[in-house]
């Protein structure tokens, strides 16, 4: 089983608020891998909108994505792209 760890930067001005959180959950829905985000010593399940919001990650925060499972590579690739594109808020 693959385990992939990747650092990303929150680029959108409002940080990880409701829209990006919903986008992340939607990206992960069809995938099977376990995905977590780590920010400031706190690790959460990336499939939970509430958990993502509780991180309160602001613009320029560094988040570590960890994905474990058969489609971990796909999950991380899609999430990195979403972070890069500021969840469509550019």
PDB file of N, CA and C in Angstrom:
ATOM      1  N   UNK A   1       0.847  -1.191   0.000  1.00  0.00           N
ATOM      2  CA  UNK A   1       0.000   0.000   0.000  1.00  0.00           C
ATOM      3  C   UNK A   1       0.886   1.246   0.000  1.00  0.00           C
ATOM      4  N   UNK A   2       0.563   2.174  -0.871  1.00  0.00           N
ATOM      5  CA  UNK A   2       1.381   3.378  -1.008  1.00  0.00           C
ATOM      6  C   UNK A   2       1.071   4.395   0.092  1.00  0.00           C
ATOM      7  N   UNK A   3       2.131   5.055   0.531  1.00  0.00           N
ATOM      8  CA  UNK A   3       1.955   6.181   1.463  1.00  0.00           C
ATOM      9  C   UNK A   3       2.693   7.362   0.859  1.00  0.00           C
ATOM     10  N   UNK A   4       1.973   8.459   0.677  1.00  0.00           N
ATOM     11  CA  UNK A   4       2.568   9.632   0.055  1.00  0.00           C
ATOM     12  C   UNK A   4       2.401  10.832   0.979  1.00  0.00           C
ATOM     13  N   UNK A   5       3.496  11.561   1.167  1.00  0.00           N
ATOM     14  CA  UNK A   5       3.473  12.745   2.021  1.00  0.00           C
ATOM     15  C   UNK A   5       3.928  13.925   1.170  1.00  0.00           C
ATOM     16  N   UNK A   6       3.160  15.005   1.209  1.00  0.00           N
ATOM     17  CA  UNK A   6       3.462  16.163   0.366  1.00  0.00           C
ATOM     18  C   UNK A   6       3.109  17.444   1.116  1.00  0.00           C
ATOM     19  N   UNK A   7       4.022  18.430   1.057  1.00  0.00           N
ATOM     20  CA  UNK A   7       3.740  19.730   1.676  1.00  0.00           C
ATOM     21  C   UNK A   7       3.081  20.639   0.654  1.00  0.00           C
ATOM     22  N   UNK A   8       2.080  21.400   1.101  1.00  0.00           N
ATOM     23  CA  UNK A   8       1.449  22.391   0.235  1.00  0.00           C
ATOM     24  C   UNK A   8       1.314  23.696   0.998  1.00  0.00           C
ATOM     25  N   UNK A   9       1.140  24.761   0.253  1.00  0.00           N
ATOM     26  CA  UNK A   9       0.967  26.088   0.855  1.00  0.00           C
ATOM     27  C   UNK A   9      -0.443  26.575   0.542  1.00  0.00           C
ATOM     28  N   UNK A  10      -1.099  27.117   1.547  1.00  0.00           N
ATOM     29  CA  UNK A  10      -2.425  27.692   1.342  1.00  0.00           C
ATOM     30  C   UNK A  10      -2.216  29.044   0.664  1.00  0.00           C
ATOM     31  N   UNK A  11      -2.714  29.187  -0.568  1.00  0.00           N
ATOM     32  CA  UNK A  11      -2.466  30.411  -1.337  1.00  0.00           C
ATOM     33  C   UNK A  11      -3.668  31.341  -1.381  1.00  0.00           C
ATOM     34  N   UNK A  12      -4.872  30.799  -1.213  1.00  0.00           N
ATOM     35  CA  UNK A  12      -6.034  31.677  -1.344  1.00  0.00           C
ATOM     36  C   UNK A  12      -6.141  32.626  -0.158  1.00  0.00           C
ATOM     37  N   UNK A  13      -6.577  33.872  -0.424  1.00  0.00           N
ATOM     38  CA  UNK A  13      -6.562  34.950   0.568  1.00  0.00           C
ATOM     39  C   UNK A  13      -7.290  34.627   1.877  1.00  0.00           C
ATOM     40  N   UNK A  14      -8.366  33.869   1.808  1.00  0.00           N
ATOM     41  CA  UNK A  14      -9.143  33.604   3.020  1.00  0.00           C
ATOM     42  C   UNK A  14      -8.740  32.315   3.734  1.00  0.00           C
ATOM     43  N   UNK A  15      -7.697  31.660   3.246  1.00  0.00           N
ATOM     44  CA  UNK A  15      -7.264  30.416   3.883  1.00  0.00           C
ATOM     45  C   UNK A  15      -8.229  29.279   3.602  1.00  0.00           C
ATOM     46  N   UNK A  16      -8.185  28.260   4.453  1.00  0.00           N
ATOM     47  CA  UNK A  16      -9.069  27.099   4.261  1.00  0.00           C
ATOM     48  C   UNK A  16     -10.414  27.364   4.924  1.00  0.00           C
ATOM     49  N   UNK A  17     -11.274  28.052   4.209  1.00  0.00           N
ATOM     50  CA  UNK A  17     -12.614  28.339   4.726  1.00  0.00           C
ATOM     51  C   UNK A  17     -13.593  27.312   4.134  1.00  0.00           C
ATOM     52  N   UNK A  18     -14.871  27.586   4.193  1.00  0.00           N
ATOM     53  CA  UNK A  18     -15.884  26.591   3.825  1.00  0.00           C
ATOM     54  C   UNK A  18     -15.780  26.094   2.384  1.00  0.00           C
ATOM     55  N   UNK A  19     -15.616  26.996   1.416  1.00  0.00           N
ATOM     56  CA  UNK A  19     -15.594  26.557   0.016  1.00  0.00           C
ATOM     57  C   UNK A  19     -14.424  25.608  -0.277  1.00  0.00           C
ATOM     58  N   UNK A  20     -13.177  25.978   0.088  1.00  0.00           N
ATOM     59  CA  UNK A  20     -12.078  25.030  -0.139  1.00  0.00           C
ATOM     60  C   UNK A  20     -12.272  23.714   0.620  1.00  0.00           C
ATOM     61  N   UNK A  21     -12.800  23.789   1.837  1.00  0.00           N
ATOM     62  CA  UNK A  21     -13.025  22.572   2.627  1.00  0.00           C
ATOM     63  C   UNK A  21     -13.998  21.640   1.898  1.00  0.00           C
ATOM     64  N   UNK A  22     -15.081  22.217   1.365  1.00  0.00           N
ATOM     65  CA  UNK A  22     -16.068  21.419   0.626  1.00  0.00           C
ATOM     66  C   UNK A  22     -15.437  20.843  -0.641  1.00  0.00           C
ATOM     67  N   UNK A  23     -14.588  21.627  -1.290  1.00  0.00           N
ATOM     68  CA  UNK A  23     -13.906  21.206  -2.516  1.00  0.00           C
ATOM     69  C   UNK A  23     -13.001  20.006  -2.215  1.00  0.00           C
ATOM     70  N   UNK A  24     -12.261  20.085  -1.124  1.00  0.00           N
ATOM     71  CA  UNK A  24     -11.361  19.000  -0.718  1.00  0.00           C
ATOM     72  C   UNK A  24     -12.154  17.713  -0.484  1.00  0.00           C
ATOM     73  N   UNK A  25     -13.251  17.821   0.266  1.00  0.00           N
ATOM     74  CA  UNK A  25     -14.083  16.652   0.571  1.00  0.00           C
ATOM     75  C   UNK A  25     -14.644  16.049  -0.723  1.00  0.00           C
ATOM     76  N   UNK A  26     -15.045  16.913  -1.649  1.00  0.00           N
ATOM     77  CA  UNK A  26     -15.600  16.456  -2.935  1.00  0.00           C
ATOM     78  C   UNK A  26     -14.535  15.721  -3.761  1.00  0.00           C
ATOM     79  N   UNK A  27     -13.314  16.247  -3.776  1.00  0.00           N
ATOM     80  CA  UNK A  27     -12.205  15.614  -4.503  1.00  0.00           C
ATOM     81  C   UNK A  27     -11.987  14.196  -3.965  1.00  0.00           C
ATOM     82  N   UNK A  28     -12.043  14.058  -2.643  1.00  0.00           N
ATOM     83  CA  UNK A  28     -11.716  12.782  -2.006  1.00  0.00           C
ATOM     84  C   UNK A  28     -12.851  11.754  -2.044  1.00  0.00           C
ATOM     85  N   UNK A  29     -14.083  12.216  -2.296  1.00  0.00           N
ATOM     86  CA  UNK A  29     -15.238  11.312  -2.252  1.00  0.00           C
ATOM     87  C   UNK A  29     -15.062  10.012  -3.047  1.00  0.00           C
ATOM     88  N   UNK A  30     -14.690  10.087  -4.335  1.00  0.00           N
ATOM     89  CA  UNK A  30     -14.604   8.839  -5.101  1.00  0.00           C
ATOM     90  C   UNK A  30     -13.362   7.987  -4.788  1.00  0.00           C
ATOM     91  N   UNK A  31     -12.435   8.545  -4.012  1.00  0.00           N
ATOM     92  CA  UNK A  31     -11.175   7.845  -3.740  1.00  0.00           C
ATOM     93  C   UNK A  31     -11.255   7.033  -2.451  1.00  0.00           C
ATOM     94  N   UNK A  32     -10.438   5.996  -2.388  1.00  0.00           N
ATOM     95  CA  UNK A  32     -10.485   5.073  -1.247  1.00  0.00           C
ATOM     96  C   UNK A  32      -9.434   5.359  -0.174  1.00  0.00           C
ATOM     97  N   UNK A  33      -8.363   6.039  -0.546  1.00  0.00           N
ATOM     98  CA  UNK A  33      -7.244   6.246   0.383  1.00  0.00           C
ATOM     99  C   UNK A  33      -7.632   7.045   1.627  1.00  0.00           C
ATOM    100  N   UNK A  34      -6.918   6.767   2.711  1.00  0.00           N
ATOM    101  CA  UNK A  34      -7.054   7.561   3.943  1.00  0.00           C
ATOM    102  C   UNK A  34      -6.185   8.792   3.742  1.00  0.00           C
ATOM    103  N   UNK A  35      -6.783   9.979   3.913  1.00  0.00           N
ATOM    104  CA  UNK A  35      -6.048  11.223   3.684  1.00  0.00           C
ATOM    105  C   UNK A  35      -6.151  12.105   4.917  1.00  0.00           C
ATOM    106  N   UNK A  36      -4.995  12.609   5.353  1.00  0.00           N
ATOM    107  CA  UNK A  36      -5.008  13.508   6.510  1.00  0.00           C
ATOM    108  C   UNK A  36      -4.198  14.755   6.197  1.00  0.00           C
ATOM    109  N   UNK A  37      -4.513  15.826   6.919  1.00  0.00           N
ATOM    110  CA  UNK A  37      -3.761  17.072   6.835  1.00  0.00           C
ATOM    111  C   UNK A  37      -3.125  17.304   8.196  1.00  0.00           C
ATOM    112  N   UNK A  38      -1.887  17.761   8.194  1.00  0.00           N
ATOM    113  CA  UNK A  38      -1.228  18.127   9.441  1.00  0.00           C
ATOM    114  C   UNK A  38      -0.840  19.596   9.356  1.00  0.00           C
ATOM    115  N   UNK A  39      -1.227  20.331  10.382  1.00  0.00           N
ATOM    116  CA  UNK A  39      -0.930  21.769  10.463  1.00  0.00           C
ATOM    117  C   UNK A  39      -0.735  22.108  11.933  1.00  0.00           C
ATOM    118  N   UNK A  40       0.417  22.719  12.258  1.00  0.00           N
ATOM    119  CA  UNK A  40       0.715  23.113  13.647  1.00  0.00           C
ATOM    120  C   UNK A  40       0.493  21.972  14.640  1.00  0.00           C
ATOM    121  N   UNK A  41       1.136  20.853  14.424  1.00  0.00           N
ATOM    122  CA  UNK A  41       1.081  19.710  15.363  1.00  0.00           C
ATOM    123  C   UNK A  41      -0.277  19.016  15.410  1.00  0.00           C
ATOM    124  N   UNK A  42      -1.245  19.486  14.614  1.00  0.00           N
ATOM    125  CA  UNK A  42      -2.573  18.877  14.643  1.00  0.00           C
ATOM    126  C   UNK A  42      -2.816  18.125  13.334  1.00  0.00           C
ATOM    127  N   UNK A  43      -3.253  16.875  13.449  1.00  0.00           N
ATOM    128  CA  UNK A  43      -3.540  16.064  12.274  1.00  0.00           C
ATOM    129  C   UNK A  43      -5.028  15.742  12.250  1.00  0.00           C
ATOM    130  N   UNK A  44      -5.629  15.966  11.080  1.00  0.00           N
ATOM    131  CA  UNK A  44      -7.079  15.758  10.957  1.00  0.00           C
ATOM    132  C   UNK A  44      -7.392  14.896   9.728  1.00  0.00           C
ATOM    133  N   UNK A  45      -8.593  14.348   9.709  1.00  0.00           N
ATOM    134  CA  UNK A  45      -9.099  13.605   8.567  1.00  0.00           C
ATOM    135  C   UNK A  45      -9.525  14.612   7.500  1.00  0.00           C
ATOM    136  N   UNK A  46      -8.898  14.525   6.326  1.00  0.00           N
ATOM    137  CA  UNK A  46      -9.171  15.498   5.266  1.00  0.00           C
ATOM    138  C   UNK A  46     -10.544  15.288   4.617  1.00  0.00           C
ATOM    139  N   UNK A  47     -11.254  14.240   5.009  1.00  0.00           N
ATOM    140  CA  UNK A  47     -12.589  13.983   4.452  1.00  0.00           C
ATOM    141  C   UNK A  47     -13.680  14.696   5.254  1.00  0.00           C
ATOM    142  N   UNK A  48     -13.299  15.373   6.331  1.00  0.00           N
ATOM    143  CA  UNK A  48     -14.269  16.023   7.201  1.00  0.00           C
ATOM    144  C   UNK A  48     -14.194  17.546   7.056  1.00  0.00           C
ATOM    145  N   UNK A  49     -15.277  18.145   6.549  1.00  0.00           N
ATOM    146  CA  UNK A  49     -15.318  19.604   6.397  1.00  0.00           C
ATOM    147  C   UNK A  49     -15.069  20.284   7.744  1.00  0.00           C
ATOM    148  N   UNK A  50     -15.726  19.802   8.782  1.00  0.00           N
ATOM    149  CA  UNK A  50     -15.575  20.428  10.107  1.00  0.00           C
ATOM    150  C   UNK A  50     -14.117  20.373  10.582  1.00  0.00           C
ATOM    151  N   UNK A  51     -13.476  19.236  10.391  1.00  0.00           N
ATOM    152  CA  UNK A  51     -12.070  19.098  10.818  1.00  0.00           C
ATOM    153  C   UNK A  51     -11.165  20.062  10.063  1.00  0.00           C
ATOM    154  N   UNK A  52     -11.408  20.200   8.755  1.00  0.00           N
ATOM    155  CA  UNK A  52     -10.597  21.118   7.946  1.00  0.00           C
ATOM    156  C   UNK A  52     -10.789  22.549   8.460  1.00  0.00           C
ATOM    157  N   UNK A  53     -12.038  22.919   8.740  1.00  0.00           N
ATOM    158  CA  UNK A  53     -12.321  24.271   9.235  1.00  0.00           C
ATOM    159  C   UNK A  53     -11.687  24.502  10.607  1.00  0.00           C
ATOM    160  N   UNK A  54     -11.653  23.454  11.431  1.00  0.00           N
ATOM    161  CA  UNK A  54     -11.078  23.566  12.781  1.00  0.00           C
ATOM    162  C   UNK A  54      -9.569  23.834  12.730  1.00  0.00           C
ATOM    163  N   UNK A  55      -8.909  23.448  11.641  1.00  0.00           N
ATOM    164  CA  UNK A  55      -7.477  23.729  11.514  1.00  0.00           C
ATOM    165  C   UNK A  55      -7.224  25.237  11.481  1.00  0.00           C
ATOM    166  N   UNK A  56      -8.189  25.980  10.953  1.00  0.00           N
ATOM    167  CA  UNK A  56      -8.077  27.438  10.830  1.00  0.00           C
ATOM    168  C   UNK A  56      -6.777  27.842  10.130  1.00  0.00           C
ATOM    169  N   UNK A  57      -6.473  27.159   9.042  1.00  0.00           N
ATOM    170  CA  UNK A  57      -5.249  27.445   8.288  1.00  0.00           C
ATOM    171  C   UNK A  57      -5.450  28.702   7.443  1.00  0.00           C
ATOM    172  N   UNK A  58      -4.617  29.693   7.686  1.00  0.00           N
ATOM    173  CA  UNK A  58      -4.724  30.969   6.980  1.00  0.00           C
ATOM    174  C   UNK A  58      -3.846  30.976   5.729  1.00  0.00           C
ATOM    175  N   UNK A  59      -3.945  32.053   4.965  1.00  0.00           N
ATOM    176  CA  UNK A  59      -3.107  32.211   3.775  1.00  0.00           C
ATOM    177  C   UNK A  59      -1.636  32.060   4.163  1.00  0.00           C
ATOM    178  N   UNK A  60      -0.888  31.387   3.295  1.00  0.00           N
ATOM    179  CA  UNK A  60       0.550  31.111   3.458  1.00  0.00           C
ATOM    180  C   UNK A  60       0.870  30.049   4.509  1.00  0.00           C
ATOM    181  N   UNK A  61      -0.143  29.392   5.058  1.00  0.00           N
ATOM    182  CA  UNK A  61       0.111  28.282   5.978  1.00  0.00           C
ATOM    183  C   UNK A  61       0.693  27.106   5.199  1.00  0.00           C
ATOM    184  N   UNK A  62       1.572  26.355   5.855  1.00  0.00           N
ATOM    185  CA  UNK A  62       2.118  25.127   5.262  1.00  0.00           C
ATOM    186  C   UNK A  62       1.323  23.948   5.819  1.00  0.00           C
ATOM    187  N   UNK A  63       0.790  23.133   4.933  1.00  0.00           N
ATOM    188  CA  UNK A  63       0.026  21.960   5.365  1.00  0.00           C
ATOM    189  C   UNK A  63       0.699  20.721   4.804  1.00  0.00           C
ATOM    190  N   UNK A  64       0.766  19.671   5.599  1.00  0.00           N
ATOM    191  CA  UNK A  64       1.328  18.412   5.130  1.00  0.00           C
ATOM    192  C   UNK A  64       0.166  17.469   4.829  1.00  0.00           C
ATOM    193  N   UNK A  65       0.098  17.026   3.581  1.00  0.00           N
ATOM    194  CA  UNK A  65      -0.920  16.053   3.171  1.00  0.00           C
ATOM    195  C   UNK A  65      -0.291  14.673   3.286  1.00  0.00           C
ATOM    196  N   UNK A  66      -0.992  13.755   3.931  1.00  0.00           N
ATOM    197  CA  UNK A  66      -0.545  12.370   3.991  1.00  0.00           C
ATOM    198  C   UNK A  66      -1.674  11.505   3.448  1.00  0.00           C
ATOM    199  N   UNK A  67      -1.360  10.692   2.449  1.00  0.00           N
ATOM    200  CA  UNK A  67      -2.374   9.803   1.870  1.00  0.00           C
ATOM    201  C   UNK A  67      -1.841   8.383   1.893  1.00  0.00           C
ATOM    202  N   UNK A  68      -2.686   7.449   2.334  1.00  0.00           N
ATOM    203  CA  UNK A  68      -2.309   6.041   2.398  1.00  0.00           C
ATOM    204  C   UNK A  68      -3.378   5.206   1.725  1.00  0.00           C
ATOM    205  N   UNK A  69      -2.960   4.395   0.752  1.00  0.00           N
ATOM    206  CA  UNK A  69      -3.920   3.532   0.070  1.00  0.00           C
ATOM    207  C   UNK A  69      -3.531   3.340  -1.389  1.00  0.00           C
ATOM    208  N   UNK A  70      -4.345   2.574  -2.104  1.00  0.00           N
ATOM    209  CA  UNK A  70      -4.038   2.234  -3.498  1.00  0.00           C
ATOM    210  C   UNK A  70      -4.094   3.439  -4.430  1.00  0.00           C
ATOM    211  N   UNK A  71      -4.937   4.418  -4.116  1.00  0.00           N
ATOM    212  CA  UNK A  71      -5.024   5.602  -4.983  1.00  0.00           C
ATOM    213  C   UNK A  71      -4.450   6.851  -4.293  1.00  0.00           C
ATOM    214  N   UNK A  72      -3.513   6.625  -3.380  1.00  0.00           N
ATOM    215  CA  UNK A  72      -2.899   7.727  -2.624  1.00  0.00           C
ATOM    216  C   UNK A  72      -2.246   8.748  -3.551  1.00  0.00           C
ATOM    217  N   UNK A  73      -1.563   8.256  -4.582  1.00  0.00           N
ATOM    218  CA  UNK A  73      -0.865   9.145  -5.512  1.00  0.00           C
ATOM    219  C   UNK A  73      -1.857  10.070  -6.219  1.00  0.00           C
ATOM    220  N   UNK A  74      -2.971   9.504  -6.657  1.00  0.00           N
ATOM    221  CA  UNK A  74      -4.025  10.278  -7.318  1.00  0.00           C
ATOM    222  C   UNK A  74      -4.590  11.317  -6.362  1.00  0.00           C
ATOM    223  N   UNK A  75      -4.873  10.902  -5.133  1.00  0.00           N
ATOM    224  CA  UNK A  75      -5.444  11.808  -4.128  1.00  0.00           C
ATOM    225  C   UNK A  75      -4.528  13.005  -3.906  1.00  0.00           C
ATOM    226  N   UNK A  76      -3.244  12.751  -3.702  1.00  0.00           N
ATOM    227  CA  UNK A  76      -2.291  13.829  -3.431  1.00  0.00           C
ATOM    228  C   UNK A  76      -2.153  14.738  -4.648  1.00  0.00           C
ATOM    229  N   UNK A  77      -2.068  14.140  -5.834  1.00  0.00           N
ATOM    230  CA  UNK A  77      -1.943  14.922  -7.064  1.00  0.00           C
ATOM    231  C   UNK A  77      -3.120  15.883  -7.224  1.00  0.00           C
ATOM    232  N   UNK A  78      -4.332  15.375  -7.007  1.00  0.00           N
ATOM    233  CA  UNK A  78      -5.538  16.187  -7.157  1.00  0.00           C
ATOM    234  C   UNK A  78      -5.599  17.298  -6.098  1.00  0.00           C
ATOM    235  N   UNK A  79      -5.199  16.974  -4.871  1.00  0.00           N
ATOM    236  CA  UNK A  79      -5.214  17.978  -3.805  1.00  0.00           C
ATOM    237  C   UNK A  79      -4.173  19.069  -4.044  1.00  0.00           C
ATOM    238  N   UNK A  80      -2.968  18.666  -4.455  1.00  0.00           N
ATOM    239  CA  UNK A  80      -1.907  19.644  -4.729  1.00  0.00           C
ATOM    240  C   UNK A  80      -2.380  20.600  -5.831  1.00  0.00           C
ATOM    241  N   UNK A  81      -3.013  20.056  -6.858  1.00  0.00           N
ATOM    242  CA  UNK A  81      -3.520  20.886  -7.951  1.00  0.00           C
ATOM    243  C   UNK A  81      -4.586  21.866  -7.434  1.00  0.00           C
ATOM    244  N   UNK A  82      -5.472  21.383  -6.574  1.00  0.00           N
ATOM    245  CA  UNK A  82      -6.524  22.245  -6.007  1.00  0.00           C
ATOM    246  C   UNK A  82      -5.914  23.382  -5.185  1.00  0.00           C
ATOM    247  N   UNK A  83      -4.893  23.056  -4.373  1.00  0.00           N
ATOM    248  CA  UNK A  83      -4.216  24.091  -3.579  1.00  0.00           C
ATOM    249  C   UNK A  83      -3.533  25.101  -4.508  1.00  0.00           C
ATOM    250  N   UNK A  84      -2.872  24.590  -5.576  1.00  0.00           N
ATOM    251  CA  UNK A  84      -2.184  25.462  -6.531  1.00  0.00           C
ATOM    252  C   UNK A  84      -3.157  26.422  -7.206  1.00  0.00           C
ATOM    253  N   UNK A  85      -4.342  25.912  -7.534  1.00  0.00           N
ATOM    254  CA  UNK A  85      -5.340  26.718  -8.243  1.00  0.00           C
ATOM    255  C   UNK A  85      -6.213  27.526  -7.271  1.00  0.00           C
ATOM    256  N   UNK A  86      -5.826  27.533  -6.005  1.00  0.00           N
ATOM    257  CA  UNK A  86      -6.555  28.275  -4.966  1.00  0.00           C
ATOM    258  C   UNK A  86      -8.030  27.899  -4.923  1.00  0.00           C
ATOM    259  N   UNK A  87      -8.326  26.642  -5.203  1.00  0.00           N
ATOM    260  CA  UNK A  87      -9.712  26.132  -5.147  1.00  0.00           C
ATOM    261  C   UNK A  87     -10.654  26.959  -6.018  1.00  0.00           C
ATOM    262  N   UNK A  88     -10.133  27.386  -7.169  1.00  0.00           N
ATOM    263  CA  UNK A  88     -10.951  28.128  -8.115  1.00  0.00           C
ATOM    264  C   UNK A  88     -11.219  29.571  -7.717  1.00  0.00           C
ATOM    265  N   UNK A  89     -10.485  30.080  -6.729  1.00  0.00           N
ATOM    266  CA  UNK A  89     -10.719  31.443  -6.245  1.00  0.00           C
ATOM    267  C   UNK A  89      -9.763  32.472  -6.836  1.00  0.00           C
ATOM    268  N   UNK A  90      -8.918  32.055  -7.769  1.00  0.00           N
ATOM    269  CA  UNK A  90      -7.945  32.986  -8.370  1.00  0.00           C
ATOM    270  C   UNK A  90      -8.650  34.097  -9.099  1.00  0.00           C
TER     271      UNK A  90
END
